[in-house]
PDB file of N, CA and C in Angstrom:
ATOM      1  N   GLY A   1      82.365 133.288  96.319  1.00  0.00           N
ATOM      2  CA  GLY A   1      82.434 134.258  97.357  1.00  0.00           C
ATOM      3  C   GLY A   1      82.555 133.663  98.752  1.00  0.00           C
ATOM      4  N   SER A   2      82.455 132.339  98.914  1.00  0.00           N
ATOM      5  CA  SER A   2      82.538 131.757 100.251  1.00  0.00           C
ATOM      6  C   SER A   2      83.992 131.475 100.617  1.00  0.00           C
ATOM      7  N   MET A   3      84.265 131.341 101.919  1.00  0.00           N
ATOM      8  CA  MET A   3      85.610 131.016 102.372  1.00  0.00           C
ATOM      9  C   MET A   3      86.033 129.686 101.760  1.00  0.00           C
ATOM     10  N   PHE A   4      87.203 129.662 101.172  1.00  0.00           N
ATOM     11  CA  PHE A   4      87.735 128.486 100.474  1.00  0.00           C
ATOM     12  C   PHE A   4      86.837 128.069  99.304  1.00  0.00           C
ATOM     13  N   GLY A   5      86.064 129.000  98.751  1.00  0.00           N
ATOM     14  CA  GLY A   5      85.129 128.692  97.671  1.00  0.00           C
ATOM     15  C   GLY A   5      85.789 128.083  96.445  1.00  0.00           C
ATOM     16  N   LYS A   6      87.036 128.454  96.168  1.00  0.00           N
ATOM     17  CA  LYS A   6      87.728 127.896  94.999  1.00  0.00           C
ATOM     18  C   LYS A   6      87.984 126.396  95.131  1.00  0.00           C
ATOM     19  N   LEU A   7      87.868 125.860  96.325  1.00  0.00           N
ATOM     20  CA  LEU A   7      88.040 124.418  96.490  1.00  0.00           C
ATOM     21  C   LEU A   7      87.087 123.633  95.603  1.00  0.00           C
ATOM     22  N   LYS A   8      85.921 124.200  95.337  1.00  0.00           N
ATOM     23  CA  LYS A   8      84.912 123.499  94.528  1.00  0.00           C
ATOM     24  C   LYS A   8      85.402 123.233  93.106  1.00  0.00           C
ATOM     25  N   LYS A   9      86.455 123.928  92.681  1.00  0.00           N
ATOM     26  CA  LYS A   9      87.011 123.661  91.352  1.00  0.00           C
ATOM     27  C   LYS A   9      87.554 122.234  91.247  1.00  0.00           C
ATOM     28  N   TYR A  10      87.926 121.639  92.365  1.00  0.00           N
ATOM     29  CA  TYR A  10      88.397 120.253  92.339  1.00  0.00           C
ATOM     30  C   TYR A  10      87.331 119.338  91.750  1.00  0.00           C
ATOM     31  N   ILE A  11      86.091 119.622  92.052  1.00  0.00           N
ATOM     32  CA  ILE A  11      84.996 118.760  91.612  1.00  0.00           C
ATOM     33  C   ILE A  11      84.570 119.054  90.176  1.00  0.00           C
ATOM     34  N   SER A  12      84.786 120.287  89.734  1.00  0.00           N
ATOM     35  CA  SER A  12      84.285 120.678  88.414  1.00  0.00           C
ATOM     36  C   SER A  12      85.346 120.702  87.324  1.00  0.00           C
ATOM     37  N   ASP A  13      86.610 120.625  87.696  1.00  0.00           N
ATOM     38  CA  ASP A  13      87.681 120.765  86.710  1.00  0.00           C
ATOM     39  C   ASP A  13      88.825 119.809  87.054  1.00  0.00           C
ATOM     40  N   GLU A  14      88.891 118.682  86.367  1.00  0.00           N
ATOM     41  CA  GLU A  14      89.894 117.659  86.649  1.00  0.00           C
ATOM     42  C   GLU A  14      91.311 118.203  86.507  1.00  0.00           C
ATOM     43  N   LYS A  15      91.538 119.056  85.516  1.00  0.00           N
ATOM     44  CA  LYS A  15      92.873 119.632  85.317  1.00  0.00           C
ATOM     45  C   LYS A  15      93.262 120.525  86.495  1.00  0.00           C
ATOM     46  N   TYR A  16      92.294 121.243  87.051  1.00  0.00           N
ATOM     47  CA  TYR A  16      92.559 122.067  88.229  1.00  0.00           C
ATOM     48  C   TYR A  16      93.014 121.179  89.380  1.00  0.00           C
ATOM     49  N   ALA A  17      92.320 120.083  89.603  1.00  0.00           N
ATOM     50  CA  ALA A  17      92.674 119.161  90.692  1.00  0.00           C
ATOM     51  C   ALA A  17      94.085 118.605  90.493  1.00  0.00           C
ATOM     52  N   GLU A  18      94.433 118.265  89.269  1.00  0.00           N
ATOM     53  CA  GLU A  18      95.760 117.713  88.983  1.00  0.00           C
ATOM     54  C   GLU A  18      96.862 118.745  89.194  1.00  0.00           C
ATOM     55  N   SER A  19      96.619 119.983  88.766  1.00  0.00           N
ATOM     56  CA  SER A  19      97.664 121.007  88.852  1.00  0.00           C
ATOM     57  C   SER A  19      97.700 121.709  90.208  1.00  0.00           C
ATOM     58  N   ASN A  20      96.741 121.451  91.064  1.00  0.00           N
ATOM     59  CA  ASN A  20      96.700 122.055  92.398  1.00  0.00           C
ATOM     60  C   ASN A  20      96.656 120.976  93.470  1.00  0.00           C
ATOM     61  N   ASN A  21      97.554 120.008  93.348  1.00  0.00           N
ATOM     62  CA  ASN A  21      97.547 118.888  94.289  1.00  0.00           C
ATOM     63  C   ASN A  21      98.433 119.122  95.508  1.00  0.00           C
ATOM     64  N   CYS A  22      99.070 120.279  95.591  1.00  0.00           N
ATOM     65  CA  CYS A  22      99.879 120.653  96.751  1.00  0.00           C
ATOM     66  C   CYS A  22      99.593 122.105  97.119  1.00  0.00           C
ATOM     67  N   PHE A  23      99.788 122.412  98.390  1.00  0.00           N
ATOM     68  CA  PHE A  23      99.688 123.792  98.853  1.00  0.00           C
ATOM     69  C   PHE A  23     100.556 123.965 100.084  1.00  0.00           C
ATOM     70  N   THR A  24     100.800 125.223 100.436  1.00  0.00           N
ATOM     71  CA  THR A  24     101.644 125.542 101.580  1.00  0.00           C
ATOM     72  C   THR A  24     100.857 126.381 102.566  1.00  0.00           C
ATOM     73  N   ILE A  25     101.000 126.053 103.835  1.00  0.00           N
ATOM     74  CA  ILE A  25     100.436 126.859 104.909  1.00  0.00           C
ATOM     75  C   ILE A  25     101.608 127.491 105.643  1.00  0.00           C
ATOM     76  N   TYR A  26     101.523 128.808 105.830  1.00  0.00           N
ATOM     77  CA  TYR A  26     102.575 129.548 106.509  1.00  0.00           C
ATOM     78  C   TYR A  26     102.132 129.892 107.921  1.00  0.00           C
ATOM     79  N   THR A  27     102.948 129.514 108.890  1.00  0.00           N
ATOM     80  CA  THR A  27     102.722 129.875 110.280  1.00  0.00           C
ATOM     81  C   THR A  27     103.848 130.836 110.677  1.00  0.00           C
ATOM     82  N   PRO A  28     103.804 131.425 111.853  1.00  0.00           N
ATOM     83  CA  PRO A  28     104.919 132.304 112.249  1.00  0.00           C
ATOM     84  C   PRO A  28     106.278 131.596 112.288  1.00  0.00           C
ATOM     85  N   GLU A  29     106.303 130.285 112.489  1.00  0.00           N
ATOM     86  CA  GLU A  29     107.570 129.562 112.590  1.00  0.00           C
ATOM     87  C   GLU A  29     107.928 128.722 111.373  1.00  0.00           C
ATOM     88  N   TYR A  30     106.926 128.255 110.621  1.00  0.00           N
ATOM     89  CA  TYR A  30     107.178 127.266 109.574  1.00  0.00           C
ATOM     90  C   TYR A  30     106.428 127.577 108.274  1.00  0.00           C
ATOM     91  N   ALA A  31     106.979 127.031 107.205  1.00  0.00           N
ATOM     92  CA  ALA A  31     106.260 126.889 105.938  1.00  0.00           C
ATOM     93  C   ALA A  31     106.016 125.385 105.818  1.00  0.00           C
ATOM     94  N   ILE A  32     104.736 124.990 105.785  1.00  0.00           N
ATOM     95  CA  ILE A  32     104.396 123.563 105.807  1.00  0.00           C
ATOM     96  C   ILE A  32     103.734 123.204 104.485  1.00  0.00           C
ATOM     97  N   ARG A  33     104.325 122.246 103.794  1.00  0.00           N
ATOM     98  CA  ARG A  33     103.840 121.800 102.482  1.00  0.00           C
ATOM     99  C   ARG A  33     102.929 120.588 102.673  1.00  0.00           C
ATOM    100  N   TYR A  34     101.795 120.615 101.967  1.00  0.00           N
ATOM    101  CA  TYR A  34     100.810 119.535 102.037  1.00  0.00           C
ATOM    102  C   TYR A  34     100.507 119.002 100.649  1.00  0.00           C
ATOM    103  N   LYS A  35     100.171 117.715 100.581  1.00  0.00           N
ATOM    104  CA  LYS A  35      99.778 117.072  99.319  1.00  0.00           C
ATOM    105  C   LYS A  35      98.358 116.535  99.476  1.00  0.00           C
ATOM    106  N   VAL A  36      97.501 116.882  98.522  1.00  0.00           N
ATOM    107  CA  VAL A  36      96.093 116.476  98.549  1.00  0.00           C
ATOM    108  C   VAL A  36      95.989 114.967  98.350  1.00  0.00           C
ATOM    109  N   PHE A  37      95.136 114.336  99.166  1.00  0.00           N
ATOM    110  CA  PHE A  37      94.885 112.902  99.013  1.00  0.00           C
ATOM    111  C   PHE A  37      93.399 112.562  98.970  1.00  0.00           C
ATOM    112  N   SER A  38      92.536 113.561  99.147  1.00  0.00           N
ATOM    113  CA  SER A  38      91.102 113.280  99.121  1.00  0.00           C
ATOM    114  C   SER A  38      90.314 114.573  98.964  1.00  0.00           C
ATOM    115  N   TYR A  39      89.242 114.505  98.197  1.00  0.00           N
ATOM    116  CA  TYR A  39      88.262 115.591  98.177  1.00  0.00           C
ATOM    117  C   TYR A  39      86.883 114.979  97.970  1.00  0.00           C
ATOM    118  N   PHE A  40      85.893 115.548  98.663  1.00  0.00           N
ATOM    119  CA  PHE A  40      84.566 114.933  98.705  1.00  0.00           C
ATOM    120  C   PHE A  40      83.545 115.901  99.282  1.00  0.00           C
ATOM    121  N   THR A  41      82.283 115.522  99.190  1.00  0.00           N
ATOM    122  CA  THR A  41      81.228 116.266  99.869  1.00  0.00           C
ATOM    123  C   THR A  41      80.792 115.473 101.092  1.00  0.00           C
ATOM    124  N   THR A  42      80.321 116.196 102.085  1.00  0.00           N
ATOM    125  CA  THR A  42      79.840 115.558 103.304  1.00  0.00           C
ATOM    126  C   THR A  42      78.784 116.431 103.951  1.00  0.00           C
ATOM    127  N   ASP A  43      78.086 115.858 104.879  1.00  0.00           N
ATOM    128  CA  ASP A  43      77.077 116.568 105.650  1.00  0.00           C
ATOM    129  C   ASP A  43      77.763 117.558 106.591  1.00  0.00           C
ATOM    130  N   ALA A  44      77.153 118.698 106.798  1.00  0.00           N
ATOM    131  CA  ALA A  44      77.719 119.711 107.689  1.00  0.00           C
ATOM    132  C   ALA A  44      77.865 119.207 109.118  1.00  0.00           C
ATOM    133  N   GLU A  45      77.149 118.171 109.466  1.00  0.00           N
ATOM    134  CA  GLU A  45      77.187 117.611 110.817  1.00  0.00           C
ATOM    135  C   GLU A  45      78.009 116.314 110.882  1.00  0.00           C
ATOM    136  N   ASP A  46      78.901 116.097 109.936  1.00  0.00           N
ATOM    137  CA  ASP A  46      79.729 114.889 109.888  1.00  0.00           C
ATOM    138  C   ASP A  46      80.531 114.760 111.184  1.00  0.00           C
ATOM    139  N   THR A  47      80.159 113.813 112.018  1.00  0.00           N
ATOM    140  CA  THR A  47      80.784 113.687 113.333  1.00  0.00           C
ATOM    141  C   THR A  47      82.165 113.026 113.280  1.00  0.00           C
ATOM    142  N   VAL A  48      82.493 112.364 112.193  1.00  0.00           N
ATOM    143  CA  VAL A  48      83.829 111.775 112.061  1.00  0.00           C
ATOM    144  C   VAL A  48      84.818 112.844 111.631  1.00  0.00           C
ATOM    145  N   LEU A  49      84.465 113.602 110.605  1.00  0.00           N
ATOM    146  CA  LEU A  49      85.376 114.593 110.047  1.00  0.00           C
ATOM    147  C   LEU A  49      85.534 115.812 110.952  1.00  0.00           C
ATOM    148  N   TYR A  50      84.454 116.322 111.474  1.00  0.00           N
ATOM    149  CA  TYR A  50      84.488 117.564 112.243  1.00  0.00           C
ATOM    150  C   TYR A  50      84.620 117.306 113.737  1.00  0.00           C
ATOM    151  N   ARG A  51      85.738 116.745 114.104  1.00  0.00           N
ATOM    152  CA  ARG A  51      86.035 116.556 115.522  1.00  0.00           C
ATOM    153  C   ARG A  51      87.515 116.788 115.749  1.00  0.00           C
ATOM    154  N   VAL A  52      87.866 117.078 116.963  1.00  0.00           N
ATOM    155  CA  VAL A  52      89.266 117.298 117.323  1.00  0.00           C
ATOM    156  C   VAL A  52      89.562 116.514 118.590  1.00  0.00           C
ATOM    157  N   GLY A  53      90.816 116.376 118.890  1.00  0.00           N
ATOM    158  CA  GLY A  53      91.203 115.765 120.144  1.00  0.00           C
ATOM    159  C   GLY A  53      91.239 114.254 120.152  1.00  0.00           C
ATOM    160  N   PHE A  54      91.851 113.655 119.148  1.00  0.00           N
ATOM    161  CA  PHE A  54      91.983 112.196 119.148  1.00  0.00           C
ATOM    162  C   PHE A  54      93.456 111.822 119.116  1.00  0.00           C
ATOM    163  N   GLU A  55      93.751 110.647 119.584  1.00  0.00           N
ATOM    164  CA  GLU A  55      95.123 110.137 119.662  1.00  0.00           C
ATOM    165  C   GLU A  55      95.544 109.542 118.317  1.00  0.00           C
ATOM    166  N   ARG A  56      96.849 109.473 118.113  1.00  0.00           N
ATOM    167  CA  ARG A  56      97.388 108.790 116.926  1.00  0.00           C
ATOM    168  C   ARG A  56      97.431 107.300 117.225  1.00  0.00           C
ATOM    169  N   ASN A  57      96.323 106.654 116.952  1.00  0.00           N
ATOM    170  CA  ASN A  57      96.204 105.219 117.197  1.00  0.00           C
ATOM    171  C   ASN A  57      95.306 104.638 116.109  1.00  0.00           C
ATOM    172  N   SER A  58      94.710 103.518 116.377  1.00  0.00           N
ATOM    173  CA  SER A  58      93.856 102.891 115.367  1.00  0.00           C
ATOM    174  C   SER A  58      92.661 103.776 115.018  1.00  0.00           C
ATOM    175  N   GLU A  59      92.204 104.605 115.953  1.00  0.00           N
ATOM    176  CA  GLU A  59      91.095 105.523 115.658  1.00  0.00           C
ATOM    177  C   GLU A  59      91.503 106.541 114.593  1.00  0.00           C
ATOM    178  N   TYR A  60      92.719 107.061 114.689  1.00  0.00           N
ATOM    179  CA  TYR A  60      93.234 107.992 113.690  1.00  0.00           C
ATOM    180  C   TYR A  60      93.335 107.303 112.333  1.00  0.00           C
ATOM    181  N   ASP A  61      93.808 106.076 112.344  1.00  0.00           N
ATOM    182  CA  ASP A  61      93.907 105.301 111.110  1.00  0.00           C
ATOM    183  C   ASP A  61      92.527 105.095 110.485  1.00  0.00           C
ATOM    184  N   GLU A  62      91.523 104.834 111.295  1.00  0.00           N
ATOM    185  CA  GLU A  62      90.141 104.688 110.799  1.00  0.00           C
ATOM    186  C   GLU A  62      89.636 105.980 110.182  1.00  0.00           C
ATOM    187  N   ILE A  63      89.978 107.109 110.776  1.00  0.00           N
ATOM    188  CA  ILE A  63      89.561 108.405 110.226  1.00  0.00           C
ATOM    189  C   ILE A  63      90.237 108.639 108.884  1.00  0.00           C
ATOM    190  N   LEU A  64      91.530 108.317 108.770  1.00  0.00           N
ATOM    191  CA  LEU A  64      92.234 108.454 107.489  1.00  0.00           C
ATOM    192  C   LEU A  64      91.591 107.580 106.423  1.00  0.00           C
ATOM    193  N   ASN A  65      91.225 106.358 106.773  1.00  0.00           N
ATOM    194  CA  ASN A  65      90.547 105.469 105.826  1.00  0.00           C
ATOM    195  C   ASN A  65      89.183 106.031 105.431  1.00  0.00           C
ATOM    196  N   TYR A  66      88.450 106.570 106.384  1.00  0.00           N
ATOM    197  CA  TYR A  66      87.140 107.186 106.121  1.00  0.00           C
ATOM    198  C   TYR A  66      87.288 108.317 105.106  1.00  0.00           C
ATOM    199  N   ILE A  67      88.273 109.184 105.327  1.00  0.00           N
ATOM    200  CA  ILE A  67      88.510 110.314 104.418  1.00  0.00           C
ATOM    201  C   ILE A  67      88.898 109.812 103.031  1.00  0.00           C
ATOM    202  N   SER A  68      89.788 108.835 102.954  1.00  0.00           N
ATOM    203  CA  SER A  68      90.216 108.292 101.658  1.00  0.00           C
ATOM    204  C   SER A  68      89.067 107.616 100.920  1.00  0.00           C
ATOM    205  N   ASP A  69      88.242 106.867 101.656  1.00  0.00           N
ATOM    206  CA  ASP A  69      87.126 106.144 101.036  1.00  0.00           C
ATOM    207  C   ASP A  69      86.070 107.082 100.465  1.00  0.00           C
ATOM    208  N   LYS A  70      85.899 108.257 101.054  1.00  0.00           N
ATOM    209  CA  LYS A  70      84.895 109.215 100.586  1.00  0.00           C
ATOM    210  C   LYS A  70      85.340 109.987  99.340  1.00  0.00           C
ATOM    211  N   SER A  71      86.618 109.925  99.011  1.00  0.00           N
ATOM    212  CA  SER A  71      87.185 110.760  97.963  1.00  0.00           C
ATOM    213  C   SER A  71      86.587 110.486  96.588  1.00  0.00           C
ATOM    214  N   PHE A  72      86.393 111.573  95.830  1.00  0.00           N
ATOM    215  CA  PHE A  72      85.934 111.473  94.442  1.00  0.00           C
ATOM    216  C   PHE A  72      87.059 110.991  93.529  1.00  0.00           C
ATOM    217  N   ALA A  73      88.292 111.196  93.925  1.00  0.00           N
ATOM    218  CA  ALA A  73      89.452 110.726  93.167  1.00  0.00           C
ATOM    219  C   ALA A  73      90.273 109.833  94.089  1.00  0.00           C
ATOM    220  N   HIS A  74      90.966 108.895  93.500  1.00  0.00           N
ATOM    221  CA  HIS A  74      91.786 108.005  94.316  1.00  0.00           C
ATOM    222  C   HIS A  74      93.251 108.246  93.994  1.00  0.00           C
ATOM    223  N   TYR A  75      94.000 108.497  95.032  1.00  0.00           N
ATOM    224  CA  TYR A  75      95.406 108.843  94.916  1.00  0.00           C
ATOM    225  C   TYR A  75      96.276 107.672  95.347  1.00  0.00           C
ATOM    226  N   GLU A  76      97.435 107.554  94.701  1.00  0.00           N
ATOM    227  CA  GLU A  76      98.378 106.502  95.086  1.00  0.00           C
ATOM    228  C   GLU A  76      99.021 106.823  96.424  1.00  0.00           C
ATOM    229  N   GLU A  77      99.363 108.090  96.627  1.00  0.00           N
ATOM    230  CA  GLU A  77      99.977 108.503  97.887  1.00  0.00           C
ATOM    231  C   GLU A  77      98.894 108.893  98.881  1.00  0.00           C
ATOM    232  N   VAL A  78      98.874 108.214  99.996  1.00  0.00           N
ATOM    233  CA  VAL A  78      97.926 108.525 101.068  1.00  0.00           C
ATOM    234  C   VAL A  78      98.700 108.603 102.383  1.00  0.00           C
ATOM    235  N   PRO A  79      98.170 109.317 103.353  1.00  0.00           N
ATOM    236  CA  PRO A  79      98.906 109.461 104.604  1.00  0.00           C
ATOM    237  C   PRO A  79      98.880 108.194 105.440  1.00  0.00           C
ATOM    238  N   SER A  80      99.846 108.126 106.336  1.00  0.00           N
ATOM    239  CA  SER A  80      99.861 107.060 107.334  1.00  0.00           C
ATOM    240  C   SER A  80      99.590 107.696 108.688  1.00  0.00           C
ATOM    241  N   ILE A  81      99.559 106.885 109.690  1.00  0.00           N
ATOM    242  CA  ILE A  81      99.265 107.354 111.035  1.00  0.00           C
ATOM    243  C   ILE A  81     100.303 108.376 111.535  1.00  0.00           C
ATOM    244  N   GLU A  82     101.494 108.387 110.938  1.00  0.00           N
ATOM    245  CA  GLU A  82     102.542 109.326 111.333  1.00  0.00           C
ATOM    246  C   GLU A  82     102.365 110.720 110.735  1.00  0.00           C
ATOM    247  N   ASN A  83     101.586 110.844 109.658  1.00  0.00           N
ATOM    248  CA  ASN A  83     101.442 112.122 108.961  1.00  0.00           C
ATOM    249  C   ASN A  83     100.447 113.060 109.637  1.00  0.00           C
ATOM    250  N   ASN A  84     100.789 114.343 109.618  1.00  0.00           N
ATOM    251  CA  ASN A  84      99.828 115.369 109.992  1.00  0.00           C
ATOM    252  C   ASN A  84      98.915 115.614 108.804  1.00  0.00           C
ATOM    253  N   VAL A  85      97.632 115.824 109.081  1.00  0.00           N
ATOM    254  CA  VAL A  85      96.634 116.024 108.031  1.00  0.00           C
ATOM    255  C   VAL A  85      95.879 117.314 108.302  1.00  0.00           C
ATOM    256  N   VAL A  86      95.559 118.018 107.230  1.00  0.00           N
ATOM    257  CA  VAL A  86      94.710 119.201 107.323  1.00  0.00           C
ATOM    258  C   VAL A  86      93.553 119.020 106.350  1.00  0.00           C
ATOM    259  N   CYS A  87      92.355 119.421 106.776  1.00  0.00           N
ATOM    260  CA  CYS A  87      91.177 119.375 105.910  1.00  0.00           C
ATOM    261  C   CYS A  87      90.595 120.779 105.828  1.00  0.00           C
ATOM    262  N   LEU A  88      90.381 121.244 104.608  1.00  0.00           N
ATOM    263  CA  LEU A  88      89.771 122.539 104.361  1.00  0.00           C
ATOM    264  C   LEU A  88      88.365 122.290 103.843  1.00  0.00           C
ATOM    265  N   SER A  89      87.395 123.047 104.334  1.00  0.00           N
ATOM    266  CA  SER A  89      86.028 122.825 103.860  1.00  0.00           C
ATOM    267  C   SER A  89      85.334 124.142 103.580  1.00  0.00           C
ATOM    268  N   THR A  90      84.364 124.062 102.688  1.00  0.00           N
ATOM    269  CA  THR A  90      83.556 125.216 102.319  1.00  0.00           C
ATOM    270  C   THR A  90      82.118 124.755 102.127  1.00  0.00           C
ATOM    271  N   CYS A  91      81.199 125.691 102.194  1.00  0.00           N
ATOM    272  CA  CYS A  91      79.776 125.354 102.021  1.00  0.00           C
ATOM    273  C   CYS A  91      79.540 124.763 100.634  1.00  0.00           C
ATOM    274  N   TYR A  92      78.637 123.801 100.578  1.00  0.00           N
ATOM    275  CA  TYR A  92      78.252 123.161  99.320  1.00  0.00           C
ATOM    276  C   TYR A  92      76.745 122.953  99.407  1.00  0.00           C
ATOM    277  N   GLY A  93      76.014 123.984  99.076  1.00  0.00           N
ATOM    278  CA  GLY A  93      74.562 123.963  99.255  1.00  0.00           C
ATOM    279  C   GLY A  93      74.227 124.335 100.689  1.00  0.00           C
ATOM    280  N   GLU A  94      72.997 124.099 101.075  1.00  0.00           N
ATOM    281  CA  GLU A  94      72.512 124.489 102.401  1.00  0.00           C
ATOM    282  C   GLU A  94      73.059 123.627 103.532  1.00  0.00           C
ATOM    283  N   GLU A  95      73.094 122.324 103.351  1.00  0.00           N
ATOM    284  CA  GLU A  95      73.407 121.413 104.446  1.00  0.00           C
ATOM    285  C   GLU A  95      74.719 120.648 104.279  1.00  0.00           C
ATOM    286  N   ASN A  96      75.416 120.857 103.183  1.00  0.00           N
ATOM    287  CA  ASN A  96      76.603 120.058 102.895  1.00  0.00           C
ATOM    288  C   ASN A  96      77.858 120.903 102.861  1.00  0.00           C
ATOM    289  N   ARG A  97      78.986 120.217 102.876  1.00  0.00           N
ATOM    290  CA  ARG A  97      80.292 120.851 102.787  1.00  0.00           C
ATOM    291  C   ARG A  97      81.115 120.127 101.736  1.00  0.00           C
ATOM    292  N   PHE A  98      81.955 120.887 101.042  1.00  0.00           N
ATOM    293  CA  PHE A  98      82.945 120.309 100.146  1.00  0.00           C
ATOM    294  C   PHE A  98      84.274 120.378 100.882  1.00  0.00           C
ATOM    295  N   VAL A  99      84.995 119.256 100.920  1.00  0.00           N
ATOM    296  CA  VAL A  99      86.191 119.128 101.751  1.00  0.00           C
ATOM    297  C   VAL A  99      87.377 118.681 100.896  1.00  0.00           C
ATOM    298  N   VAL A 100      88.530 119.291 101.134  1.00  0.00           N
ATOM    299  CA  VAL A 100      89.792 118.878 100.532  1.00  0.00           C
ATOM    300  C   VAL A 100      90.742 118.558 101.684  1.00  0.00           C
ATOM    301  N   CYS A 101      91.293 117.342 101.676  1.00  0.00           N
ATOM    302  CA  CYS A 101      92.211 116.906 102.738  1.00  0.00           C
ATOM    303  C   CYS A 101      93.595 116.639 102.147  1.00  0.00           C
ATOM    304  N   ALA A 102      94.622 117.024 102.917  1.00  0.00           N
ATOM    305  CA  ALA A 102      96.004 116.858 102.467  1.00  0.00           C
ATOM    306  C   ALA A 102      96.883 116.465 103.649  1.00  0.00           C
ATOM    307  N   PHE A 103      97.989 115.799 103.343  1.00  0.00           N
ATOM    308  CA  PHE A 103      98.922 115.404 104.389  1.00  0.00           C
ATOM    309  C   PHE A 103     100.238 116.156 104.248  1.00  0.00           C
ATOM    310  N   GLU A 104     100.885 116.365 105.390  1.00  0.00           N
ATOM    311  CA  GLU A 104     102.138 117.113 105.424  1.00  0.00           C
ATOM    312  C   GLU A 104     103.250 116.318 104.748  1.00  0.00           C
ATOM    313  N   THR A 105     103.991 117.011 103.865  1.00  0.00           N
ATOM    314  CA  THR A 105     105.117 116.377 103.184  1.00  0.00           C
ATOM    315  C   THR A 105     106.451 117.035 103.514  1.00  0.00           C
ATOM    316  N   GLU A 106     106.395 118.283 103.964  1.00  0.00           N
ATOM    317  CA  GLU A 106     107.643 119.010 104.232  1.00  0.00           C
ATOM    318  C   GLU A 106     107.348 120.152 105.200  1.00  0.00           C
ATOM    319  N   ARG A 107     108.316 120.417 106.064  1.00  0.00           N
ATOM    320  CA  ARG A 107     108.194 121.515 107.036  1.00  0.00           C
ATOM    321  C   ARG A 107     109.531 122.226 107.091  1.00  0.00           C
ATOM    322  N   LYS A 108     109.525 123.539 106.790  1.00  0.00           N
ATOM    323  CA  LYS A 108     110.756 124.324 106.831  1.00  0.00           C
ATOM    324  C   LYS A 108     110.612 125.433 107.866  1.00  0.00           C
ATOM    325  N   GLU A 109     111.616 125.493 108.725  1.00  0.00           N
ATOM    326  CA  GLU A 109     111.632 126.537 109.745  1.00  0.00           C
ATOM    327  C   GLU A 109     112.209 127.811 109.143  1.00  0.00           C
ATOM    328  N   TYR A 110     111.674 128.938 109.534  1.00  0.00           N
ATOM    329  CA  TYR A 110     112.179 130.219 109.032  1.00  0.00           C
ATOM    330  C   TYR A 110     113.497 130.570 109.677  1.00  0.00           C
TER     331      TYR A 110
END
């Protein structure tokens, strides 16, 4: 019943994670395709994950490595500093969050 609650299936059902490794986000201008590269649990106060406003530099690369290192599964394809990344999270108990992160693979304009 929580927002993005189905994300927790990644942790409980390996086949679900394999068959749901891509998703699309629709904006008024674009359909943007993403590929999952990490899913994990974290503290609700995770200061690395839950921040905005950073440059695409070595700090961004460190954040990508942090996200990849926390993952319960390890993927061959991971983003580089050039990729846009989106992370979706949902409650996981009282103080934690379950997070699924994906990188942009395709963008189509309407």
